[in-house]
Every structure is written in structure tokens, then in C-alpha cells.
């Protein structure tokens, strides 16, 4: 038999099945490698996006709290609120909201702006939880109002209000962060009584700052947040109104 003669017999069925099985294994392996690589890229992109959003929030919220105004209810405002049954002077007279899932304060400009627009702004950052996924998001509500004339946290006051009783005050609502595993706030004062070195931080009692009015004001606000594919971060925001005088 000529050793260089090509066999015309071809492949047997068994050989074809073996070859197809080997090719299937190789394709599955290659697809797995590509899939892992794609997942790694997507995870890296998501982590970078989360980091960018977190740093942006840190900058914007930090600037807003530094610019915040400590507004106290006037006697006339307290009387109107008490008449409608939505206020108790024991709750406090500062427009500040301090809770684990929310922080509220007043600005002389929009939260997402830098210029004054002639109105005060009641700013609330609130944590909302998705009931299906248990993931949390951070929402901003910015309500424009005129001090002493409008009520930014409830029913408006009618004839003296900027708008009629059946109209709402201008409001902007924006989602700042999405799909966080954890977000919560703490509110601290610096205890300067009898200090010899650095003042000690003291966490404010919930009953002093919960709701839309507060008895006390913090010196700084702490925000703890855990985003997917990232370590837990703790951000500190200066709220130096009490130290600067009210």
C-alpha cells in the first residue's frame, strides 16, 4: 500500500461524535471565559459609576449643608400651625429634620443650583427602600417657599400664601442614588462644656430632631452608605450653624 495514498474511507460516525463533543467542550470553556471577562468589566464599570456618584453627592451635599440657614418659626407661624393641629411647640421651632433615614434643612438657593432665586428652599434627603429587593435609594425633595408666608411641610395658609390653598408650592424631586445596600444618617453636636482639649461629639436624641421641627441643631451630619461592589463609606458634613451663631 502506498503510504502517501489518501484514504477515501472518511470519518466514522463515532469519530464525528467524539469531535463534536470535544468542540462543544471547547466552545463552552471559551464562552465561560468571555462571560466572566464581560461580567468583570461590567462590575468594574458599575463600581466606578457608583464611586463617581458618591463623590458628586459628597461635594453637593457638603456645599448645601455649609450654606444652610437656621430658620426658626415666628410666633405667627406657630399660631397658624397650632390652629390647624399640625404643630406642638414641644417639638421645637427650628426648621430641621434629623432622622436615620432623612435629613431636612433650609437653603436660600435651590439644592442643585448656586444662585439665589428669591425664595427659601426646604430641602429633604430621604432614604426609600424597595420592598421587593430591599435595596435603598436616596431622594431629594426641594420645596420653594416664602418665609412667614408659606408652609413648606404641610397645607398652605390660604389668603396670605404665595399660592391658593388648592395649589402646591413649587417642588422638585430627584433621585440622587439608586440600588444602595445601606444608607443612614446620624446627627451630632460637639460638647464644649468643660472641655480641656477637643470637644467630644454627642449624638442628638431622636426626640429632639425627628419630624419637621427640631429643638436642637447639629454641628455635623454623618452619612453611612454601602454601594454594590464597594466598601462601606462614612461621610461627614459640616453643619456649623450653631457654632457660627443663629
Protein backbone atom coordinates (compact mmCIF):
# COMPACT_ATOMS: atom_id res chain seq x y z
CA UNK A 1 0.00 0.00 0.00
CA UNK A 2 1.31 3.43 -0.93
CA UNK A 3 2.00 5.30 2.35
CA UNK A 4 1.22 8.61 0.61
CA UNK A 5 -2.13 7.49 -0.72
CA UNK A 6 -5.07 9.38 0.83
CA UNK A 7 -7.72 7.22 2.38
CA UNK A 8 -11.11 7.60 0.79
CA UNK A 9 -12.86 5.91 3.67
CA UNK A 10 -13.57 9.23 5.64
CA UNK A 11 -14.56 9.56 9.31
CA UNK A 12 -16.70 7.07 11.12
CA UNK A 13 -19.84 8.19 12.96
CA UNK A 14 -18.13 7.58 16.30
CA UNK A 15 -15.20 9.82 15.32
CA UNK A 16 -17.58 12.60 14.29
CA UNK A 17 -19.47 12.37 17.58
CA UNK A 18 -16.22 12.49 19.56
CA UNK A 19 -15.05 15.52 17.54
CA UNK A 20 -18.37 17.30 18.10
CA UNK A 21 -18.21 16.58 21.83
CA UNK A 22 -14.67 17.98 22.05
CA UNK A 23 -15.71 21.08 20.09
CA UNK A 24 -18.69 21.56 22.41
CA UNK A 25 -16.45 21.41 25.48
CA UNK A 26 -14.01 23.91 23.96
CA UNK A 27 -16.81 26.31 22.98
CA UNK A 28 -18.33 26.12 26.47
CA UNK A 29 -14.97 26.86 28.05
CA UNK A 30 -14.32 29.81 25.75
CA UNK A 31 -17.85 31.15 26.34
CA UNK A 32 -17.34 30.89 30.11
CA UNK A 33 -14.07 32.82 29.94
CA UNK A 34 -15.68 35.53 27.79
CA UNK A 35 -18.69 35.70 30.08
CA UNK A 36 -16.50 36.09 33.17
CA UNK A 37 -14.46 38.76 31.44
CA UNK A 38 -17.63 40.63 30.43
CA UNK A 39 -19.02 40.37 33.98
CA UNK A 40 -15.74 41.69 35.39
CA UNK A 41 -15.82 44.67 33.04
CA UNK A 42 -19.47 45.39 33.88
CA UNK A 43 -18.79 45.12 37.62
CA UNK A 44 -15.77 47.39 37.31
CA UNK A 45 -17.79 49.93 35.33
CA UNK A 46 -20.64 49.80 37.87
CA UNK A 47 -18.22 50.28 40.78
CA UNK A 48 -16.61 53.26 39.05
CA UNK A 49 -20.04 54.74 38.32
CA UNK A 50 -21.07 54.30 41.96
CA UNK A 51 -17.85 55.93 43.16
CA UNK A 52 -18.38 58.89 40.83
CA UNK A 53 -21.97 59.35 42.03
CA UNK A 54 -20.89 59.09 45.66
CA UNK A 55 -18.16 61.71 45.27
CA UNK A 56 -20.58 64.02 43.44
CA UNK A 57 -23.12 63.63 46.25
CA UNK A 58 -20.42 64.28 48.84
CA UNK A 59 -19.47 67.54 47.13
CA UNK A 60 -23.03 68.81 46.50
CA UNK A 61 -24.47 67.84 49.91
CA UNK A 62 -21.41 69.18 51.70
CA UNK A 63 -21.79 72.54 49.97
CA UNK A 64 -25.52 72.68 50.70
CA UNK A 65 -25.12 71.97 54.42
CA UNK A 66 -22.37 74.60 54.68
CA UNK A 67 -24.75 77.14 53.06
CA UNK A 68 -27.77 76.10 55.15
CA UNK A 69 -29.81 78.64 57.13
CA UNK A 70 -31.20 78.03 60.59
CA UNK A 71 -34.80 79.20 60.30
CA UNK A 72 -36.95 79.49 63.40
CA UNK A 73 -40.71 79.63 63.29
CA UNK A 74 -42.13 83.05 64.11
CA UNK A 75 -44.85 83.37 66.74
CA UNK A 76 -47.36 83.98 63.94
CA UNK A 77 -46.26 80.83 62.12
CA UNK A 78 -46.50 78.79 65.33
CA UNK A 79 -50.01 80.11 65.96
CA UNK A 80 -51.19 79.23 62.44
CA UNK A 81 -49.69 75.74 62.68
CA UNK A 82 -51.21 75.14 66.11
CA UNK A 83 -54.62 76.24 64.82
CA UNK A 84 -54.57 73.59 62.11
CA UNK A 85 -53.37 70.98 64.62
CA UNK A 86 -50.11 70.10 62.84
CA UNK A 87 -47.69 71.58 65.36
CA UNK A 88 -46.78 71.36 69.03
CA UNK A 89 -44.28 73.86 70.42
CA UNK A 90 -42.73 70.99 72.39
CA UNK A 91 -41.43 69.65 69.05
CA UNK A 92 -39.12 72.66 68.66
CA UNK A 93 -39.15 75.72 66.44
CA UNK A 94 -36.15 75.16 64.16
CA UNK A 95 -36.87 74.03 60.60
CA UNK A 96 -34.62 70.97 60.71
CA UNK A 97 -35.37 67.29 60.26
CA UNK A 98 -32.94 64.74 61.64
CA UNK A 99 -33.66 61.03 61.36
CA UNK A 100 -31.79 57.86 60.46
CA UNK A 101 -33.48 57.85 57.06
CA UNK A 102 -33.77 61.58 56.40
CA UNK A 103 -32.17 64.98 56.81
CA UNK A 104 -34.04 68.24 56.18
CA UNK A 105 -32.78 71.83 56.28
CA UNK A 106 -33.28 75.27 54.72
CA UNK A 107 -31.32 76.95 51.93
CA UNK A 108 -31.51 80.38 50.32
CA UNK A 109 -30.95 78.75 46.93
CA UNK A 110 -32.00 75.58 45.11
CA UNK A 111 -30.13 72.47 46.23
CA UNK A 112 -28.88 71.83 42.69
CA UNK A 113 -28.14 75.50 42.00
CA UNK A 114 -25.65 78.11 43.12
CA UNK A 115 -27.63 81.36 42.75
CA UNK A 116 -30.38 82.71 44.98
CA UNK A 117 -33.80 82.88 43.33
CA UNK A 118 -35.75 84.98 45.84
CA UNK A 119 -37.21 82.01 47.74
CA UNK A 120 -36.24 79.89 50.69
CA UNK A 121 -35.90 76.19 49.95
CA UNK A 122 -36.91 73.35 52.27
CA UNK A 123 -34.53 70.53 51.37
CA UNK A 124 -35.19 66.92 52.37
CA UNK A 125 -32.93 63.97 51.55
CA UNK A 126 -34.89 60.80 52.25
CA UNK A 127 -33.95 57.12 52.08
CA UNK A 128 -36.54 54.91 50.38
CA UNK A 129 -36.43 51.10 50.38
CA UNK A 130 -37.62 48.88 47.53
CA UNK A 131 -39.91 46.27 49.09
CA UNK A 132 -39.02 43.62 46.51
CA UNK A 133 -35.21 43.92 46.52
CA UNK A 134 -34.58 45.61 49.92
CA UNK A 135 -32.20 47.94 48.07
CA UNK A 136 -32.30 51.59 49.03
CA UNK A 137 -32.31 54.84 47.08
CA UNK A 138 -31.71 58.44 48.14
CA UNK A 139 -34.26 61.02 47.01
CA UNK A 140 -34.06 64.80 47.07
CA UNK A 141 -37.15 66.99 47.55
CA UNK A 142 -36.69 70.75 47.12
CA UNK A 143 -39.72 72.92 48.03
CA UNK A 144 -39.67 76.68 47.29
CA UNK A 145 -41.42 78.92 49.84
CA UNK A 146 -41.54 82.42 51.29
CA UNK A 147 -40.63 82.60 54.95
CA UNK A 148 -43.52 83.67 57.16
CA UNK A 149 -45.97 83.34 54.27
CA UNK A 150 -45.83 79.74 53.07
CA UNK A 151 -45.75 76.40 54.85
CA UNK A 152 -43.29 74.07 53.06
CA UNK A 153 -44.15 70.94 55.07
CA UNK A 154 -47.93 70.80 55.00
CA UNK A 155 -51.09 72.60 53.96
CA UNK A 156 -50.54 76.18 52.81
CA UNK A 157 -52.01 79.04 54.84
CA UNK A 158 -54.59 80.35 52.37
CA UNK A 159 -55.09 84.09 51.80
CA UNK A 160 -51.57 85.14 52.77
CA UNK A 161 -49.89 82.28 50.96
CA UNK A 162 -47.84 82.54 47.79
CA UNK A 163 -50.37 80.24 46.10
CA UNK A 164 -54.03 79.50 46.69
CA UNK A 165 -54.95 76.66 49.02
CA UNK A 166 -55.68 74.30 46.12
CA UNK A 167 -52.26 74.83 44.53
CA UNK A 168 -48.96 73.31 45.58
CA UNK A 169 -45.73 75.11 46.25
CA UNK A 170 -43.06 74.66 43.56
CA UNK A 171 -41.36 71.33 44.22
CA UNK A 172 -38.53 69.42 42.59
CA UNK A 173 -37.94 65.72 43.26
CA UNK A 174 -34.78 63.96 42.08
CA UNK A 175 -33.27 60.54 42.76
CA UNK A 176 -29.64 61.09 43.76
CA UNK A 177 -28.53 57.49 44.39
CA UNK A 178 -30.02 54.14 43.47
CA UNK A 179 -29.61 50.49 44.46
CA UNK A 180 -27.62 51.07 47.63
CA UNK A 181 -27.36 48.25 50.13
CA UNK A 182 -27.48 50.64 53.10
CA UNK A 183 -27.90 54.38 53.73
CA UNK A 184 -28.48 56.11 57.05
CA UNK A 185 -27.73 59.39 58.80
CA UNK A 186 -26.55 60.41 62.27
CA UNK A 187 -26.69 63.93 63.70
CA UNK A 188 -24.01 65.16 66.12
CA UNK A 189 -23.28 68.11 68.38
CA UNK A 190 -19.87 68.99 69.77
CA UNK A 191 -19.98 69.11 73.56
CA UNK A 192 -17.87 72.11 74.51
CA UNK A 193 -18.87 72.30 78.18
CA UNK A 194 -15.91 71.82 80.48
CA UNK A 195 -13.67 70.73 77.63
CA UNK A 196 -9.91 70.89 78.01
CA UNK A 197 -8.86 69.61 74.60
CA UNK A 198 -11.03 68.76 71.61
CA UNK A 199 -14.83 68.89 72.11
CA UNK A 200 -16.48 65.49 72.33
CA UNK A 201 -19.14 64.61 69.71
CA UNK A 202 -22.53 63.75 71.21
CA UNK A 203 -25.26 62.17 69.10
CA UNK A 204 -28.50 64.13 69.26
CA UNK A 205 -31.51 62.41 70.80
CA UNK A 206 -34.18 61.39 68.23
CA UNK A 207 -36.96 63.19 70.09
CA UNK A 208 -35.04 66.49 69.75
CA UNK A 209 -34.73 66.41 65.97
CA UNK A 210 -37.31 64.00 64.49
CA UNK A 211 -40.10 65.39 62.34
CA UNK A 212 -40.13 68.71 60.51
CA UNK A 213 -39.14 70.81 63.55
CA UNK A 214 -36.25 70.44 65.98
CA UNK A 215 -35.35 71.55 69.48
CA UNK A 216 -31.62 71.33 68.75
CA UNK A 217 -29.34 71.73 65.75
CA UNK A 218 -26.34 69.54 64.94
CA UNK A 219 -22.76 70.64 64.34
CA UNK A 220 -22.22 67.98 61.72
CA UNK A 221 -24.11 65.22 59.93
CA UNK A 222 -22.73 61.73 59.37
CA UNK A 223 -23.87 59.62 56.43
CA UNK A 224 -23.02 55.90 56.26
CA UNK A 225 -23.52 54.28 52.88
CA UNK A 226 -22.83 50.91 51.27
CA UNK A 227 -23.00 50.69 47.48
CA UNK A 228 -22.66 47.42 45.50
CA UNK A 229 -19.09 46.28 44.86
CA UNK A 230 -17.77 48.92 47.29
CA UNK A 231 -16.72 49.04 50.91
CA UNK A 232 -18.93 50.87 53.41
CA UNK A 233 -18.11 54.56 53.48
CA UNK A 234 -18.79 57.14 56.18
CA UNK A 235 -19.09 60.76 55.05
CA UNK A 236 -19.04 63.76 57.38
CA UNK A 237 -20.75 67.05 56.53
CA UNK A 238 -20.19 70.25 58.47
CA UNK A 239 -23.39 71.95 59.64
CA UNK A 240 -21.73 74.76 61.56
CA UNK A 241 -24.79 77.00 62.03
CA UNK A 242 -24.85 76.52 65.80
CA UNK A 243 -21.17 77.47 66.12
CA UNK A 244 -21.49 80.45 63.78
CA UNK A 245 -24.46 81.86 65.70
CA UNK A 246 -28.14 81.79 64.83
